């Protein structure tokens, strides 16, 4: 597990399950590329990633297209 310092407290990184719930058709190219970078290729496909600030930033950019669960 990874740990990082947030506001003076070490946080333990868990895992996130990311599922695409809406289509990327007609969306901006950057949003399509972000979905692809997360490893999602098809609708309703789920991927698991470590909970890192980088992944959280990617999720934030496509939050209207995906559903996120903490594992």
PDB file of N, CA and C in Angstrom:
ATOM      1  N   UNK A   1       0.839  -1.189   0.000  1.00  0.00           N
ATOM      2  CA  UNK A   1       0.000   0.000   0.000  1.00  0.00           C
ATOM      3  C   UNK A   1       0.878   1.244   0.000  1.00  0.00           C
ATOM      4  N   UNK A   2       0.408   2.223  -0.699  1.00  0.00           N
ATOM      5  CA  UNK A   2       1.134   3.493  -0.723  1.00  0.00           C
ATOM      6  C   UNK A   2       0.590   4.406   0.358  1.00  0.00           C
ATOM      7  N   UNK A   3       1.444   5.276   0.838  1.00  0.00           N
ATOM      8  CA  UNK A   3       1.023   6.285   1.799  1.00  0.00           C
ATOM      9  C   UNK A   3       1.517   7.630   1.324  1.00  0.00           C
ATOM     10  N   UNK A   4       0.764   8.670   1.556  1.00  0.00           N
ATOM     11  CA  UNK A   4       1.237  10.004   1.245  1.00  0.00           C
ATOM     12  C   UNK A   4       0.761  10.968   2.323  1.00  0.00           C
ATOM     13  N   UNK A   5       1.436  12.096   2.398  1.00  0.00           N
ATOM     14  CA  UNK A   5       1.173  13.081   3.442  1.00  0.00           C
ATOM     15  C   UNK A   5       0.104  14.048   2.965  1.00  0.00           C
ATOM     16  N   UNK A   6      -1.021  14.120   3.693  1.00  0.00           N
ATOM     17  CA  UNK A   6      -2.091  15.042   3.370  1.00  0.00           C
ATOM     18  C   UNK A   6      -2.402  15.842   4.612  1.00  0.00           C
ATOM     19  N   UNK A   7      -2.183  17.140   4.561  1.00  0.00           N
ATOM     20  CA  UNK A   7      -2.447  18.037   5.688  1.00  0.00           C
ATOM     21  C   UNK A   7      -1.795  17.548   6.980  1.00  0.00           C
ATOM     22  N   UNK A   8      -0.572  17.077   6.869  1.00  0.00           N
ATOM     23  CA  UNK A   8       0.172  16.660   8.040  1.00  0.00           C
ATOM     24  C   UNK A   8      -0.160  15.272   8.555  1.00  0.00           C
ATOM     25  N   UNK A   9      -1.027  14.536   7.865  1.00  0.00           N
ATOM     26  CA  UNK A   9      -1.423  13.198   8.300  1.00  0.00           C
ATOM     27  C   UNK A   9      -1.149  12.215   7.161  1.00  0.00           C
ATOM     28  N   UNK A  10      -0.528  11.095   7.498  1.00  0.00           N
ATOM     29  CA  UNK A  10      -0.296  10.084   6.486  1.00  0.00           C
ATOM     30  C   UNK A  10      -1.604   9.350   6.198  1.00  0.00           C
ATOM     31  N   UNK A  11      -1.935   9.229   4.913  1.00  0.00           N
ATOM     32  CA  UNK A  11      -3.133   8.510   4.502  1.00  0.00           C
ATOM     33  C   UNK A  11      -2.712   7.250   3.768  1.00  0.00           C
ATOM     34  N   UNK A  12      -3.414   6.179   4.031  1.00  0.00           N
ATOM     35  CA  UNK A  12      -3.123   4.915   3.366  1.00  0.00           C
ATOM     36  C   UNK A  12      -3.992   4.836   2.111  1.00  0.00           C
ATOM     37  N   UNK A  13      -3.347   4.531   0.988  1.00  0.00           N
ATOM     38  CA  UNK A  13      -4.071   4.458  -0.272  1.00  0.00           C
ATOM     39  C   UNK A  13      -4.784   3.120  -0.384  1.00  0.00           C
ATOM     40  N   UNK A  14      -6.064   3.194  -0.649  1.00  0.00           N
ATOM     41  CA  UNK A  14      -6.846   1.989  -0.892  1.00  0.00           C
ATOM     42  C   UNK A  14      -6.944   1.757  -2.389  1.00  0.00           C
ATOM     43  N   UNK A  15      -8.033   1.169  -2.790  1.00  0.00           N
ATOM     44  CA  UNK A  15      -8.256   0.936  -4.214  1.00  0.00           C
ATOM     45  C   UNK A  15      -9.607   1.511  -4.599  1.00  0.00           C
ATOM     46  N   UNK A  16      -9.722   1.886  -5.866  1.00  0.00           N
ATOM     47  CA  UNK A  16     -10.955   2.430  -6.399  1.00  0.00           C
ATOM     48  C   UNK A  16     -11.427   1.564  -7.552  1.00  0.00           C
ATOM     49  N   UNK A  17     -12.718   1.248  -7.564  1.00  0.00           N
ATOM     50  CA  UNK A  17     -13.327   0.545  -8.686  1.00  0.00           C
ATOM     51  C   UNK A  17     -14.065   1.591  -9.513  1.00  0.00           C
ATOM     52  N   UNK A  18     -13.651   1.750 -10.778  1.00  0.00           N
ATOM     53  CA  UNK A  18     -14.199   2.773 -11.659  1.00  0.00           C
ATOM     54  C   UNK A  18     -14.977   2.079 -12.774  1.00  0.00           C
ATOM     55  N   UNK A  19     -16.242   2.467 -12.948  1.00  0.00           N
ATOM     56  CA  UNK A  19     -17.111   1.861 -13.953  1.00  0.00           C
ATOM     57  C   UNK A  19     -17.669   2.951 -14.853  1.00  0.00           C
ATOM     58  N   UNK A  20     -17.584   2.755 -16.168  1.00  0.00           N
ATOM     59  CA  UNK A  20     -18.145   3.728 -17.102  1.00  0.00           C
ATOM     60  C   UNK A  20     -19.649   3.523 -17.168  1.00  0.00           C
ATOM     61  N   UNK A  21     -20.423   4.579 -16.893  1.00  0.00           N
ATOM     62  CA  UNK A  21     -21.876   4.492 -16.876  1.00  0.00           C
ATOM     63  C   UNK A  21     -22.524   5.245 -18.027  1.00  0.00           C
ATOM     64  N   UNK A  22     -21.831   6.213 -18.616  1.00  0.00           N
ATOM     65  CA  UNK A  22     -22.362   6.969 -19.749  1.00  0.00           C
ATOM     66  C   UNK A  22     -21.362   6.938 -20.888  1.00  0.00           C
ATOM     67  N   UNK A  23     -21.884   7.081 -22.090  1.00  0.00           N
ATOM     68  CA  UNK A  23     -21.059   7.006 -23.284  1.00  0.00           C
ATOM     69  C   UNK A  23     -20.173   8.243 -23.440  1.00  0.00           C
ATOM     70  N   UNK A  24     -19.016   8.035 -24.053  1.00  0.00           N
ATOM     71  CA  UNK A  24     -18.098   9.138 -24.347  1.00  0.00           C
ATOM     72  C   UNK A  24     -18.315   9.670 -25.759  1.00  0.00           C
ATOM     73  N   UNK A  25     -19.288   9.118 -26.483  1.00  0.00           N
ATOM     74  CA  UNK A  25     -19.585   9.598 -27.834  1.00  0.00           C
ATOM     75  C   UNK A  25     -20.065  11.044 -27.752  1.00  0.00           C
ATOM     76  N   UNK A  26     -19.496  11.888 -28.574  1.00  0.00           N
ATOM     77  CA  UNK A  26     -19.878  13.299 -28.604  1.00  0.00           C
ATOM     78  C   UNK A  26     -19.218  14.144 -27.529  1.00  0.00           C
ATOM     79  N   UNK A  27     -18.361  13.543 -26.736  1.00  0.00           N
ATOM     80  CA  UNK A  27     -17.654  14.289 -25.679  1.00  0.00           C
ATOM     81  C   UNK A  27     -16.358  14.861 -26.240  1.00  0.00           C
ATOM     82  N   UNK A  28     -15.749  15.752 -25.480  1.00  0.00           N
ATOM     83  CA  UNK A  28     -14.482  16.336 -25.911  1.00  0.00           C
ATOM     84  C   UNK A  28     -13.421  15.254 -26.019  1.00  0.00           C
ATOM     85  N   UNK A  29     -12.479  15.474 -26.914  1.00  0.00           N
ATOM     86  CA  UNK A  29     -11.417  14.492 -27.143  1.00  0.00           C
ATOM     87  C   UNK A  29     -10.629  14.220 -25.863  1.00  0.00           C
ATOM     88  N   UNK A  30     -10.387  15.248 -25.067  1.00  0.00           N
ATOM     89  CA  UNK A  30      -9.632  15.064 -23.812  1.00  0.00           C
ATOM     90  C   UNK A  30     -10.356  14.130 -22.863  1.00  0.00           C
ATOM     91  N   UNK A  31     -11.692  14.205 -22.824  1.00  0.00           N
ATOM     92  CA  UNK A  31     -12.461  13.321 -21.952  1.00  0.00           C
ATOM     93  C   UNK A  31     -12.387  11.882 -22.465  1.00  0.00           C
ATOM     94  N   UNK A  32     -12.455  11.706 -23.769  1.00  0.00           N
ATOM     95  CA  UNK A  32     -12.330  10.368 -24.342  1.00  0.00           C
ATOM     96  C   UNK A  32     -10.963   9.777 -24.032  1.00  0.00           C
ATOM     97  N   UNK A  33      -9.925  10.606 -24.139  1.00  0.00           N
ATOM     98  CA  UNK A  33      -8.570  10.131 -23.860  1.00  0.00           C
ATOM     99  C   UNK A  33      -8.388   9.811 -22.376  1.00  0.00           C
ATOM    100  N   UNK A  34      -9.054  10.557 -21.510  1.00  0.00           N
ATOM    101  CA  UNK A  34      -8.964  10.289 -20.072  1.00  0.00           C
ATOM    102  C   UNK A  34      -9.621   8.957 -19.735  1.00  0.00           C
ATOM    103  N   UNK A  35     -10.783   8.692 -20.332  1.00  0.00           N
ATOM    104  CA  UNK A  35     -11.452   7.393 -20.129  1.00  0.00           C
ATOM    105  C   UNK A  35     -10.527   6.272 -20.582  1.00  0.00           C
ATOM    106  N   UNK A  36      -9.904   6.456 -21.734  1.00  0.00           N
ATOM    107  CA  UNK A  36      -8.992   5.452 -22.286  1.00  0.00           C
ATOM    108  C   UNK A  36      -7.780   5.266 -21.372  1.00  0.00           C
ATOM    109  N   UNK A  37      -7.241   6.374 -20.838  1.00  0.00           N
ATOM    110  CA  UNK A  37      -6.073   6.313 -19.954  1.00  0.00           C
ATOM    111  C   UNK A  37      -6.393   5.582 -18.648  1.00  0.00           C
ATOM    112  N   UNK A  38      -7.643   5.639 -18.224  1.00  0.00           N
ATOM    113  CA  UNK A  38      -8.049   4.902 -17.029  1.00  0.00           C
ATOM    114  C   UNK A  38      -8.133   3.403 -17.302  1.00  0.00           C
ATOM    115  N   UNK A  39      -8.078   3.026 -18.577  1.00  0.00           N
ATOM    116  CA  UNK A  39      -8.105   1.613 -18.930  1.00  0.00           C
ATOM    117  C   UNK A  39      -9.485   1.102 -19.271  1.00  0.00           C
ATOM    118  N   UNK A  40     -10.430   2.024 -19.443  1.00  0.00           N
ATOM    119  CA  UNK A  40     -11.804   1.637 -19.764  1.00  0.00           C
ATOM    120  C   UNK A  40     -11.962   1.644 -21.276  1.00  0.00           C
ATOM    121  N   UNK A  41     -12.450   0.527 -21.826  1.00  0.00           N
ATOM    122  CA  UNK A  41     -12.617   0.410 -23.273  1.00  0.00           C
ATOM    123  C   UNK A  41     -14.077   0.306 -23.696  1.00  0.00           C
ATOM    124  N   UNK A  42     -14.939  -0.206 -22.821  1.00  0.00           N
ATOM    125  CA  UNK A  42     -16.339  -0.433 -23.179  1.00  0.00           C
ATOM    126  C   UNK A  42     -17.264   0.109 -22.095  1.00  0.00           C
ATOM    127  N   UNK A  43     -18.508   0.329 -22.462  1.00  0.00           N
ATOM    128  CA  UNK A  43     -19.519   0.741 -21.498  1.00  0.00           C
ATOM    129  C   UNK A  43     -19.698  -0.346 -20.437  1.00  0.00           C
ATOM    130  N   UNK A  44     -19.936   0.063 -19.219  1.00  0.00           N
ATOM    131  CA  UNK A  44     -20.183  -0.820 -18.070  1.00  0.00           C
ATOM    132  C   UNK A  44     -18.977  -1.688 -17.711  1.00  0.00           C
ATOM    133  N   UNK A  45     -17.823  -1.376 -18.277  1.00  0.00           N
ATOM    134  CA  UNK A  45     -16.594  -2.077 -17.898  1.00  0.00           C
ATOM    135  C   UNK A  45     -16.061  -1.442 -16.619  1.00  0.00           C
ATOM    136  N   UNK A  46     -15.532  -2.251 -15.738  1.00  0.00           N
ATOM    137  CA  UNK A  46     -14.955  -1.763 -14.489  1.00  0.00           C
ATOM    138  C   UNK A  46     -13.461  -2.031 -14.469  1.00  0.00           C
ATOM    139  N   UNK A  47     -12.720  -1.099 -13.881  1.00  0.00           N
ATOM    140  CA  UNK A  47     -11.287  -1.267 -13.676  1.00  0.00           C
ATOM    141  C   UNK A  47     -10.984  -0.903 -12.232  1.00  0.00           C
ATOM    142  N   UNK A  48      -9.910  -1.455 -11.700  1.00  0.00           N
ATOM    143  CA  UNK A  48      -9.493  -1.165 -10.322  1.00  0.00           C
ATOM    144  C   UNK A  48      -8.133  -0.485 -10.373  1.00  0.00           C
ATOM    145  N   UNK A  49      -8.029   0.649  -9.668  1.00  0.00           N
ATOM    146  CA  UNK A  49      -6.780   1.408  -9.597  1.00  0.00           C
ATOM    147  C   UNK A  49      -6.477   1.732  -8.141  1.00  0.00           C
ATOM    148  N   UNK A  50      -5.208   1.971  -7.864  1.00  0.00           N
ATOM    149  CA  UNK A  50      -4.811   2.482  -6.555  1.00  0.00           C
ATOM    150  C   UNK A  50      -5.409   3.874  -6.376  1.00  0.00           C
ATOM    151  N   UNK A  51      -5.747   4.228  -5.157  1.00  0.00           N
ATOM    152  CA  UNK A  51      -6.300   5.551  -4.856  1.00  0.00           C
ATOM    153  C   UNK A  51      -5.141   6.533  -4.697  1.00  0.00           C
ATOM    154  N   UNK A  52      -4.810   7.214  -5.797  1.00  0.00           N
ATOM    155  CA  UNK A  52      -3.733   8.204  -5.792  1.00  0.00           C
ATOM    156  C   UNK A  52      -4.282   9.551  -6.246  1.00  0.00           C
ATOM    157  N   UNK A  53      -3.589  10.630  -5.958  1.00  0.00           N
ATOM    158  CA  UNK A  53      -4.051  11.938  -6.421  1.00  0.00           C
ATOM    159  C   UNK A  53      -4.155  12.025  -7.947  1.00  0.00           C
ATOM    160  N   UNK A  54      -3.298  11.313  -8.659  1.00  0.00           N
ATOM    161  CA  UNK A  54      -3.338  11.341 -10.117  1.00  0.00           C
ATOM    162  C   UNK A  54      -4.624  10.705 -10.640  1.00  0.00           C
ATOM    163  N   UNK A  55      -4.979   9.558 -10.084  1.00  0.00           N
ATOM    164  CA  UNK A  55      -6.200   8.872 -10.509  1.00  0.00           C
ATOM    165  C   UNK A  55      -7.424   9.684 -10.105  1.00  0.00           C
ATOM    166  N   UNK A  56      -7.404  10.274  -8.906  1.00  0.00           N
ATOM    167  CA  UNK A  56      -8.527  11.112  -8.459  1.00  0.00           C
ATOM    168  C   UNK A  56      -8.728  12.296  -9.405  1.00  0.00           C
ATOM    169  N   UNK A  57      -7.630  12.887  -9.891  1.00  0.00           N
ATOM    170  CA  UNK A  57      -7.729  13.995 -10.837  1.00  0.00           C
ATOM    171  C   UNK A  57      -8.353  13.567 -12.149  1.00  0.00           C
ATOM    172  N   UNK A  58      -7.982  12.379 -12.623  1.00  0.00           N
ATOM    173  CA  UNK A  58      -8.561  11.861 -13.860  1.00  0.00           C
ATOM    174  C   UNK A  58     -10.056  11.597 -13.678  1.00  0.00           C
ATOM    175  N   UNK A  59     -10.421  11.045 -12.536  1.00  0.00           N
ATOM    176  CA  UNK A  59     -11.829  10.771 -12.250  1.00  0.00           C
ATOM    177  C   UNK A  59     -12.621  12.079 -12.209  1.00  0.00           C
ATOM    178  N   UNK A  60     -12.037  13.103 -11.611  1.00  0.00           N
ATOM    179  CA  UNK A  60     -12.714  14.392 -11.495  1.00  0.00           C
ATOM    180  C   UNK A  60     -13.061  14.961 -12.876  1.00  0.00           C
ATOM    181  N   UNK A  61     -12.201  14.730 -13.858  1.00  0.00           N
ATOM    182  CA  UNK A  61     -12.424  15.255 -15.204  1.00  0.00           C
ATOM    183  C   UNK A  61     -13.548  14.531 -15.948  1.00  0.00           C
ATOM    184  N   UNK A  62     -13.832  13.294 -15.564  1.00  0.00           N
ATOM    185  CA  UNK A  62     -14.879  12.526 -16.248  1.00  0.00           C
ATOM    186  C   UNK A  62     -15.921  12.004 -15.264  1.00  0.00           C
ATOM    187  N   UNK A  63     -16.121  12.711 -14.162  1.00  0.00           N
ATOM    188  CA  UNK A  63     -17.022  12.240 -13.103  1.00  0.00           C
ATOM    189  C   UNK A  63     -18.460  12.079 -13.589  1.00  0.00           C
ATOM    190  N   UNK A  64     -18.832  12.807 -14.628  1.00  0.00           N
ATOM    191  CA  UNK A  64     -20.199  12.711 -15.163  1.00  0.00           C
ATOM    192  C   UNK A  64     -20.380  11.461 -16.031  1.00  0.00           C
ATOM    193  N   UNK A  65     -19.295  10.754 -16.332  1.00  0.00           N
ATOM    194  CA  UNK A  65     -19.353   9.559 -17.177  1.00  0.00           C
ATOM    195  C   UNK A  65     -19.114   8.266 -16.410  1.00  0.00           C
ATOM    196  N   UNK A  66     -18.567   8.361 -15.199  1.00  0.00           N
ATOM    197  CA  UNK A  66     -18.163   7.166 -14.466  1.00  0.00           C
ATOM    198  C   UNK A  66     -18.805   7.107 -13.087  1.00  0.00           C
ATOM    199  N   UNK A  67     -18.768   5.903 -12.514  1.00  0.00           N
ATOM    200  CA  UNK A  67     -19.202   5.673 -11.139  1.00  0.00           C
ATOM    201  C   UNK A  67     -17.999   5.106 -10.385  1.00  0.00           C
ATOM    202  N   UNK A  68     -17.757   5.586  -9.175  1.00  0.00           N
ATOM    203  CA  UNK A  68     -16.566   5.198  -8.420  1.00  0.00           C
ATOM    204  C   UNK A  68     -16.959   4.593  -7.080  1.00  0.00           C
ATOM    205  N   UNK A  69     -16.335   3.463  -6.747  1.00  0.00           N
ATOM    206  CA  UNK A  69     -16.533   2.818  -5.446  1.00  0.00           C
ATOM    207  C   UNK A  69     -15.186   2.617  -4.792  1.00  0.00           C
ATOM    208  N   UNK A  70     -15.110   2.828  -3.488  1.00  0.00           N
ATOM    209  CA  UNK A  70     -13.877   2.518  -2.758  1.00  0.00           C
ATOM    210  C   UNK A  70     -13.918   1.053  -2.364  1.00  0.00           C
ATOM    211  N   UNK A  71     -12.794   0.396  -2.553  1.00  0.00           N
ATOM    212  CA  UNK A  71     -12.691  -1.038  -2.209  1.00  0.00           C
ATOM    213  C   UNK A  71     -11.820  -1.180  -0.986  1.00  0.00           C
TER     214      UNK A  71
END
